[in-house]
Amino acid sequence: MVDLTKLDAAVMAQHLGKPDGEIGRALADAMAERNRPAYEAAIKRVGLLPGERLVEIGFGNGKLVPHLLALAPGATYTGVDFSETMVAEAEAFNADLIEAGKARFHLASVEQMPLADGSFDRALAINTIYFWPDPVCALAEIHRVLSPDGVLLILAQTPEEAAKAPYTRHGFRIYAEAQLRQLHTQAGFRRVEIELYHDTRPTWDRSGTTEFQAYFVIAFA
């Protein structure tokens, strides 16, 4: 069993960016638990309605997908992730949803998604923008697959929040509010709203809780 509290900061950063193997699976389980309140708030804020089509970039192990779909009955889910380990985990966990045609998962990069133009109503990217080498290119690709009235919600740690964690010093790209707004505008989104988001989440060792602060970036195609 992986003790996440003893992971080297650089190793943790590597697996948060692209979870792999036993360490990646352990981190993904922890992140699913830690991010659950953020996902619930994001689905409400992005306005996913029953019957709509949702795409998520960087879905982790996919263990929150049934919960997300329960919040908008009749909605369908598509996930894109470039981690082979995470795609395998998500497909195994969500086999029933896949068989029912309610969920599908793709192994691909955000810059080159195998998805049709304008094929989604809503998009999510929770704690993933830090790892995109070219965020404008990635955001433009998300814009491409959204319908003309589609909405993207990105959750990104504030610089103040990121400064608390040693692993964010290893390859994370942390953006201030003005930078996030500019990236989305350059990618073609016509309107961008940014709000502060707060929650309380378990510590890595699950012995207590910690406060978390991030931006909700809501971008309108």
C-alpha atoms as a PDB file:
ATOM      1  CA  MET A   1       0.000   0.000   0.000  1.00  0.00           C
ATOM      2  CA  VAL A   2       1.358   3.434  -0.983  1.00  0.00           C
ATOM      3  CA  ASP A   3       1.871   5.929   1.861  1.00  0.00           C
ATOM      4  CA  LEU A   4       1.169   9.220   0.108  1.00  0.00           C
ATOM      5  CA  THR A   5       2.535  11.256   3.005  1.00  0.00           C
ATOM      6  CA  LYS A   6       6.013   9.816   2.365  1.00  0.00           C
ATOM      7  CA  LEU A   7       6.128  10.425  -1.380  1.00  0.00           C
ATOM      8  CA  ASP A   8       8.911  12.639  -2.661  1.00  0.00           C
ATOM      9  CA  ALA A   9       7.430  15.954  -3.863  1.00  0.00           C
ATOM     10  CA  ALA A  10       8.787  15.505  -7.394  1.00  0.00           C
ATOM     11  CA  VAL A  11       7.380  11.971  -7.614  1.00  0.00           C
ATOM     12  CA  MET A  12       3.985  13.172  -6.415  1.00  0.00           C
ATOM     13  CA  ALA A  13       3.995  15.961  -8.993  1.00  0.00           C
ATOM     14  CA  GLN A  14       4.897  13.495 -11.744  1.00  0.00           C
ATOM     15  CA  HIS A  15       1.986  11.200 -10.881  1.00  0.00           C
ATOM     16  CA  LEU A  16      -0.481  14.029 -10.364  1.00  0.00           C
ATOM     17  CA  GLY A  17       0.372  15.152 -13.889  1.00  0.00           C
ATOM     18  CA  LYS A  18       0.149  11.632 -15.348  1.00  0.00           C
ATOM     19  CA  PRO A  19      -0.869   8.921 -12.873  1.00  0.00           C
ATOM     20  CA  ASP A  20       0.809   5.616 -13.546  1.00  0.00           C
ATOM     21  CA  GLY A  21       1.076   2.242 -11.849  1.00  0.00           C
ATOM     22  CA  GLU A  22       0.522   1.632  -8.144  1.00  0.00           C
ATOM     23  CA  ILE A  23       1.443   5.183  -7.098  1.00  0.00           C
ATOM     24  CA  GLY A  24      -0.830   6.667  -9.741  1.00  0.00           C
ATOM     25  CA  ARG A  25      -3.765   4.523  -8.667  1.00  0.00           C
ATOM     26  CA  ALA A  26      -3.280   5.460  -5.001  1.00  0.00           C
ATOM     27  CA  LEU A  27      -3.089   9.158  -5.829  1.00  0.00           C
ATOM     28  CA  ALA A  28      -6.149   8.926  -8.067  1.00  0.00           C
ATOM     29  CA  ASP A  29      -8.170   7.337  -5.262  1.00  0.00           C
ATOM     30  CA  ALA A  30      -7.128  10.131  -2.908  1.00  0.00           C
ATOM     31  CA  MET A  31      -7.871  12.842  -5.472  1.00  0.00           C
ATOM     32  CA  ALA A  32     -11.327  11.421  -6.188  1.00  0.00           C
ATOM     33  CA  GLU A  33     -12.111  11.738  -2.487  1.00  0.00           C
ATOM     34  CA  ARG A  34     -10.521  15.168  -2.126  1.00  0.00           C
ATOM     35  CA  ASN A  35     -12.122  16.602  -5.272  1.00  0.00           C
ATOM     36  CA  ARG A  36     -15.661  15.307  -4.766  1.00  0.00           C
ATOM     37  CA  PRO A  37     -17.043  18.592  -3.318  1.00  0.00           C
ATOM     38  CA  ALA A  38     -15.407  20.546  -6.137  1.00  0.00           C
ATOM     39  CA  TYR A  39     -16.991  18.290  -8.752  1.00  0.00           C
ATOM     40  CA  GLU A  40     -20.430  18.693  -7.202  1.00  0.00           C
ATOM     41  CA  ALA A  41     -20.059  22.470  -7.149  1.00  0.00           C
ATOM     42  CA  ALA A  42     -18.656  22.487 -10.703  1.00  0.00           C
ATOM     43  CA  ILE A  43     -21.565  20.506 -12.156  1.00  0.00           C
ATOM     44  CA  LYS A  44     -24.029  22.904 -10.557  1.00  0.00           C
ATOM     45  CA  ARG A  45     -22.101  25.975 -11.648  1.00  0.00           C
ATOM     46  CA  VAL A  46     -21.581  24.837 -15.237  1.00  0.00           C
ATOM     47  CA  GLY A  47     -25.303  24.176 -15.459  1.00  0.00           C
ATOM     48  CA  LEU A  48     -25.292  20.597 -16.744  1.00  0.00           C
ATOM     49  CA  LEU A  49     -28.893  19.668 -17.536  1.00  0.00           C
ATOM     50  CA  PRO A  50     -30.562  16.291 -17.987  1.00  0.00           C
ATOM     51  CA  GLY A  51     -29.915  14.987 -21.480  1.00  0.00           C
ATOM     52  CA  GLU A  52     -26.899  17.185 -22.165  1.00  0.00           C
ATOM     53  CA  ARG A  53     -23.453  16.000 -23.285  1.00  0.00           C
ATOM     54  CA  LEU A  54     -20.485  16.491 -20.939  1.00  0.00           C
ATOM     55  CA  VAL A  55     -16.812  16.093 -21.794  1.00  0.00           C
ATOM     56  CA  GLU A  56     -14.128  16.038 -19.101  1.00  0.00           C
ATOM     57  CA  ILE A  57     -10.419  16.458 -19.701  1.00  0.00           C
ATOM     58  CA  GLY A  58      -8.246  14.654 -17.144  1.00  0.00           C
ATOM     59  CA  PHE A  59     -10.822  12.448 -15.414  1.00  0.00           C
ATOM     60  CA  GLY A  60      -8.462  10.609 -13.068  1.00  0.00           C
ATOM     61  CA  ASN A  61      -9.769   7.126 -12.248  1.00  0.00           C
ATOM     62  CA  GLY A  62     -13.348   7.952 -13.248  1.00  0.00           C
ATOM     63  CA  LYS A  63     -14.810   6.883  -9.922  1.00  0.00           C
ATOM     64  CA  LEU A  64     -16.844  10.094  -9.641  1.00  0.00           C
ATOM     65  CA  VAL A  65     -18.519   9.656 -13.037  1.00  0.00           C
ATOM     66  CA  PRO A  66     -21.625   7.800 -11.717  1.00  0.00           C
ATOM     67  CA  HIS A  67     -22.107  10.543  -9.146  1.00  0.00           C
ATOM     68  CA  LEU A  68     -21.790  13.277 -11.781  1.00  0.00           C
ATOM     69  CA  LEU A  69     -24.358  11.624 -14.026  1.00  0.00           C
ATOM     70  CA  ALA A  70     -26.722  11.193 -11.085  1.00  0.00           C
ATOM     71  CA  LEU A  71     -26.728  14.991 -10.700  1.00  0.00           C
ATOM     72  CA  ALA A  72     -28.108  15.381 -14.246  1.00  0.00           C
ATOM     73  CA  PRO A  73     -30.172  12.311 -15.160  1.00  0.00           C
ATOM     74  CA  GLY A  74     -30.031  11.455 -18.830  1.00  0.00           C
ATOM     75  CA  ALA A  75     -26.781  13.335 -19.422  1.00  0.00           C
ATOM     76  CA  THR A  76     -23.961  11.508 -21.184  1.00  0.00           C
ATOM     77  CA  TYR A  77     -20.279  11.610 -20.260  1.00  0.00           C
ATOM     78  CA  THR A  78     -17.115  11.484 -22.346  1.00  0.00           C
ATOM     79  CA  GLY A  79     -13.675  11.516 -20.743  1.00  0.00           C
ATOM     80  CA  VAL A  80     -10.297  12.286 -22.292  1.00  0.00           C
ATOM     81  CA  ASP A  81      -7.037  11.453 -20.506  1.00  0.00           C
ATOM     82  CA  PHE A  82      -3.499  10.672 -21.652  1.00  0.00           C
ATOM     83  CA  SER A  83      -2.743   8.226 -18.826  1.00  0.00           C
ATOM     84  CA  GLU A  84      -3.123   4.590 -19.860  1.00  0.00           C
ATOM     85  CA  THR A  85      -3.478   3.622 -16.195  1.00  0.00           C
ATOM     86  CA  MET A  86      -6.366   6.026 -15.636  1.00  0.00           C
ATOM     87  CA  VAL A  87      -8.238   5.045 -18.794  1.00  0.00           C
ATOM     88  CA  ALA A  88      -8.016   1.386 -17.764  1.00  0.00           C
ATOM     89  CA  GLU A  89      -9.204   2.181 -14.233  1.00  0.00           C
ATOM     90  CA  ALA A  90     -12.106   4.317 -15.477  1.00  0.00           C
ATOM     91  CA  GLU A  91     -13.266   1.792 -18.052  1.00  0.00           C
ATOM     92  CA  ALA A  92     -13.212  -1.046 -15.515  1.00  0.00           C
ATOM     93  CA  PHE A  93     -15.069   0.954 -12.854  1.00  0.00           C
ATOM     94  CA  ASN A  94     -17.683   2.313 -15.283  1.00  0.00           C
ATOM     95  CA  ALA A  95     -18.258  -0.812 -17.367  1.00  0.00           C
ATOM     96  CA  ASP A  96     -22.023  -0.705 -16.782  1.00  0.00           C
ATOM     97  CA  LEU A  97     -22.269   2.940 -17.884  1.00  0.00           C
ATOM     98  CA  ILE A  98     -20.185   2.210 -20.980  1.00  0.00           C
ATOM     99  CA  GLU A  99     -22.392  -0.739 -21.905  1.00  0.00           C
ATOM    100  CA  ALA A 100     -25.494   1.429 -21.444  1.00  0.00           C
ATOM    101  CA  GLY A 101     -24.060   4.081 -23.771  1.00  0.00           C
ATOM    102  CA  LYS A 102     -23.914   6.697 -21.021  1.00  0.00           C
ATOM    103  CA  ALA A 103     -20.121   7.006 -20.721  1.00  0.00           C
ATOM    104  CA  ARG A 104     -17.035   6.572 -22.880  1.00  0.00           C
ATOM    105  CA  PHE A 105     -13.340   7.159 -22.270  1.00  0.00           C
ATOM    106  CA  HIS A 106     -10.591   8.109 -24.723  1.00  0.00           C
ATOM    107  CA  LEU A 107      -6.825   7.817 -24.411  1.00  0.00           C
ATOM    108  CA  ALA A 108      -5.728  11.091 -25.990  1.00  0.00           C
ATOM    109  CA  SER A 109      -4.133  14.453 -25.299  1.00  0.00           C
ATOM    110  CA  VAL A 110      -6.187  17.575 -24.743  1.00  0.00           C
ATOM    111  CA  GLU A 111      -4.502  19.147 -27.760  1.00  0.00           C
ATOM    112  CA  GLN A 112      -5.753  16.419 -30.119  1.00  0.00           C
ATOM    113  CA  MET A 113      -9.076  15.006 -28.968  1.00  0.00           C
ATOM    114  CA  PRO A 114     -10.781  12.422 -31.216  1.00  0.00           C
ATOM    115  CA  LEU A 115     -14.099  14.243 -30.914  1.00  0.00           C
ATOM    116  CA  ALA A 116     -16.327  15.976 -33.455  1.00  0.00           C
ATOM    117  CA  ASP A 117     -16.699  19.742 -33.715  1.00  0.00           C
ATOM    118  CA  GLY A 118     -19.495  21.180 -31.586  1.00  0.00           C
ATOM    119  CA  SER A 119     -20.415  17.815 -30.074  1.00  0.00           C
ATOM    120  CA  PHE A 120     -20.665  18.807 -26.374  1.00  0.00           C
ATOM    121  CA  ASP A 121     -22.789  21.146 -24.288  1.00  0.00           C
ATOM    122  CA  ARG A 122     -20.522  21.378 -21.267  1.00  0.00           C
ATOM    123  CA  ALA A 123     -16.851  20.725 -20.522  1.00  0.00           C
ATOM    124  CA  LEU A 124     -14.895  20.248 -17.282  1.00  0.00           C
ATOM    125  CA  ALA A 125     -11.196  20.295 -16.459  1.00  0.00           C
ATOM    126  CA  ILE A 126     -10.552  19.944 -12.730  1.00  0.00           C
ATOM    127  CA  ASN A 127      -6.966  20.517 -11.537  1.00  0.00           C
ATOM    128  CA  THR A 128      -5.464  19.719 -14.941  1.00  0.00           C
ATOM    129  CA  ILE A 129      -4.525  23.017 -16.624  1.00  0.00           C
ATOM    130  CA  TYR A 130      -1.224  23.025 -14.700  1.00  0.00           C
ATOM    131  CA  PHE A 131       0.074  20.198 -16.885  1.00  0.00           C
ATOM    132  CA  TRP A 132      -0.815  21.483 -20.367  1.00  0.00           C
ATOM    133  CA  PRO A 133       2.364  22.463 -22.270  1.00  0.00           C
ATOM    134  CA  ASP A 134       0.415  24.887 -24.476  1.00  0.00           C
ATOM    135  CA  PRO A 135      -2.728  26.006 -22.622  1.00  0.00           C
ATOM    136  CA  VAL A 136      -4.013  28.206 -25.448  1.00  0.00           C
ATOM    137  CA  CYS A 137      -3.813  25.290 -27.879  1.00  0.00           C
ATOM    138  CA  ALA A 138      -5.557  23.021 -25.345  1.00  0.00           C
ATOM    139  CA  LEU A 139      -8.294  25.541 -24.642  1.00  0.00           C
ATOM    140  CA  ALA A 140      -8.826  26.134 -28.359  1.00  0.00           C
ATOM    141  CA  GLU A 141      -9.315  22.386 -28.828  1.00  0.00           C
ATOM    142  CA  ILE A 142     -11.903  22.345 -26.035  1.00  0.00           C
ATOM    143  CA  HIS A 143     -13.593  25.342 -27.662  1.00  0.00           C
ATOM    144  CA  ARG A 144     -13.710  23.385 -30.939  1.00  0.00           C
ATOM    145  CA  VAL A 145     -15.663  20.473 -29.461  1.00  0.00           C
ATOM    146  CA  LEU A 146     -18.166  22.697 -27.630  1.00  0.00           C
ATOM    147  CA  SER A 147     -21.466  23.699 -29.202  1.00  0.00           C
ATOM    148  CA  PRO A 148     -21.928  27.433 -29.990  1.00  0.00           C
ATOM    149  CA  ASP A 149     -23.652  27.943 -26.633  1.00  0.00           C
ATOM    150  CA  GLY A 150     -21.396  25.531 -24.763  1.00  0.00           C
ATOM    151  CA  VAL A 151     -19.724  26.265 -21.433  1.00  0.00           C
ATOM    152  CA  LEU A 152     -16.335  25.201 -20.053  1.00  0.00           C
ATOM    153  CA  LEU A 153     -15.498  25.183 -16.349  1.00  0.00           C
ATOM    154  CA  ILE A 154     -11.893  24.916 -15.240  1.00  0.00           C
ATOM    155  CA  LEU A 155     -10.805  24.594 -11.625  1.00  0.00           C
ATOM    156  CA  ALA A 156      -7.297  25.901 -10.979  1.00  0.00           C
ATOM    157  CA  GLN A 157      -5.575  26.472  -7.663  1.00  0.00           C
ATOM    158  CA  THR A 158      -4.860  30.068  -6.794  1.00  0.00           C
ATOM    159  CA  PRO A 159      -1.157  30.992  -6.565  1.00  0.00           C
ATOM    160  CA  GLU A 160      -1.615  31.342  -2.791  1.00  0.00           C
ATOM    161  CA  GLU A 161      -3.036  27.822  -2.505  1.00  0.00           C
ATOM    162  CA  ALA A 162      -0.365  26.321  -4.754  1.00  0.00           C
ATOM    163  CA  ALA A 163       2.385  27.896  -2.642  1.00  0.00           C
ATOM    164  CA  LYS A 164       1.324  25.707   0.316  1.00  0.00           C
ATOM    165  CA  ALA A 165       2.254  22.456  -1.431  1.00  0.00           C
ATOM    166  CA  PRO A 166       5.880  21.504  -2.180  1.00  0.00           C
ATOM    167  CA  TYR A 167       4.898  19.311  -5.145  1.00  0.00           C
ATOM    168  CA  THR A 168       3.618  22.317  -7.121  1.00  0.00           C
ATOM    169  CA  ARG A 169       7.255  23.470  -7.459  1.00  0.00           C
ATOM    170  CA  HIS A 170       7.928  20.516  -9.757  1.00  0.00           C
ATOM    171  CA  GLY A 171       6.507  21.200 -13.204  1.00  0.00           C
ATOM    172  CA  PHE A 172       3.196  22.802 -12.256  1.00  0.00           C
ATOM    173  CA  ARG A 173       2.171  25.888 -14.235  1.00  0.00           C
ATOM    174  CA  ILE A 174       0.243  28.090 -11.837  1.00  0.00           C
ATOM    175  CA  TYR A 175      -1.735  31.022 -13.220  1.00  0.00           C
ATOM    176  CA  ALA A 176      -3.029  34.229 -11.682  1.00  0.00           C
ATOM    177  CA  GLU A 177      -6.585  35.356 -12.368  1.00  0.00           C
ATOM    178  CA  ALA A 178      -5.611  37.797 -15.137  1.00  0.00           C
ATOM    179  CA  GLN A 179      -3.516  35.126 -16.869  1.00  0.00           C
ATOM    180  CA  LEU A 180      -6.388  32.625 -16.829  1.00  0.00           C
ATOM    181  CA  ARG A 181      -8.720  35.186 -18.334  1.00  0.00           C
ATOM    182  CA  GLN A 182      -6.215  36.012 -21.085  1.00  0.00           C
ATOM    183  CA  LEU A 183      -5.586  32.344 -21.969  1.00  0.00           C
ATOM    184  CA  HIS A 184      -9.290  31.667 -22.456  1.00  0.00           C
ATOM    185  CA  THR A 185      -9.793  34.834 -24.485  1.00  0.00           C
ATOM    186  CA  GLN A 186      -6.872  33.958 -26.761  1.00  0.00           C
ATOM    187  CA  ALA A 187      -8.381  30.508 -27.283  1.00  0.00           C
ATOM    188  CA  GLY A 188     -11.589  32.018 -28.655  1.00  0.00           C
ATOM    189  CA  PHE A 189     -14.005  32.047 -25.733  1.00  0.00           C
ATOM    190  CA  ARG A 190     -16.312  35.040 -26.029  1.00  0.00           C
ATOM    191  CA  ARG A 191     -16.869  35.624 -22.312  1.00  0.00           C
ATOM    192  CA  VAL A 192     -14.937  34.567 -19.217  1.00  0.00           C
ATOM    193  CA  GLU A 193     -16.070  34.718 -15.586  1.00  0.00           C
ATOM    194  CA  ILE A 194     -13.775  33.898 -12.678  1.00  0.00           C
ATOM    195  CA  GLU A 195     -14.935  33.159  -9.138  1.00  0.00           C
ATOM    196  CA  LEU A 196     -13.173  32.046  -5.984  1.00  0.00           C
ATOM    197  CA  TYR A 197     -14.017  28.539  -4.858  1.00  0.00           C
ATOM    198  CA  HIS A 198     -13.440  27.171  -1.338  1.00  0.00           C
ATOM    199  CA  ASP A 199     -13.948  23.763   0.230  1.00  0.00           C
ATOM    200  CA  THR A 200     -12.714  21.585   3.084  1.00  0.00           C
ATOM    201  CA  ARG A 201     -11.080  18.326   2.049  1.00  0.00           C
ATOM    202  CA  PRO A 202      -9.309  15.370   3.674  1.00  0.00           C
ATOM    203  CA  THR A 203      -5.589  15.583   4.293  1.00  0.00           C
ATOM    204  CA  TRP A 204      -3.412  13.142   2.341  1.00  0.00           C
ATOM    205  CA  ASP A 205      -3.250  10.773   5.330  1.00  0.00           C
ATOM    206  CA  ARG A 206      -7.034  11.165   5.955  1.00  0.00           C
ATOM    207  CA  SER A 207      -6.331  12.035   9.583  1.00  0.00           C
ATOM    208  CA  GLY A 208      -8.029  15.430   9.360  1.00  0.00           C
ATOM    209  CA  THR A 209      -9.176  18.123   6.969  1.00  0.00           C
ATOM    210  CA  THR A 210      -7.627  21.118   5.268  1.00  0.00           C
ATOM    211  CA  GLU A 211      -8.974  24.252   3.604  1.00  0.00           C
ATOM    212  CA  PHE A 212      -8.658  24.526  -0.170  1.00  0.00           C
ATOM    213  CA  GLN A 213      -8.965  27.575  -2.429  1.00  0.00           C
ATOM    214  CA  ALA A 214      -9.110  27.713  -6.214  1.00  0.00           C
ATOM    215  CA  TYR A 215     -10.533  29.616  -9.144  1.00  0.00           C
ATOM    216  CA  PHE A 216     -13.609  28.530 -11.010  1.00  0.00           C
ATOM    217  CA  VAL A 217     -13.047  29.781 -14.563  1.00  0.00           C
ATOM    218  CA  ILE A 218     -16.349  29.717 -16.470  1.00  0.00           C
ATOM    219  CA  ALA A 219     -15.806  30.281 -20.193  1.00  0.00           C
ATOM    220  CA  PHE A 220     -18.610  30.664 -22.742  1.00  0.00           C
ATOM    221  CA  ALA A 221     -18.005  29.412 -26.265  1.00  0.00           C
END
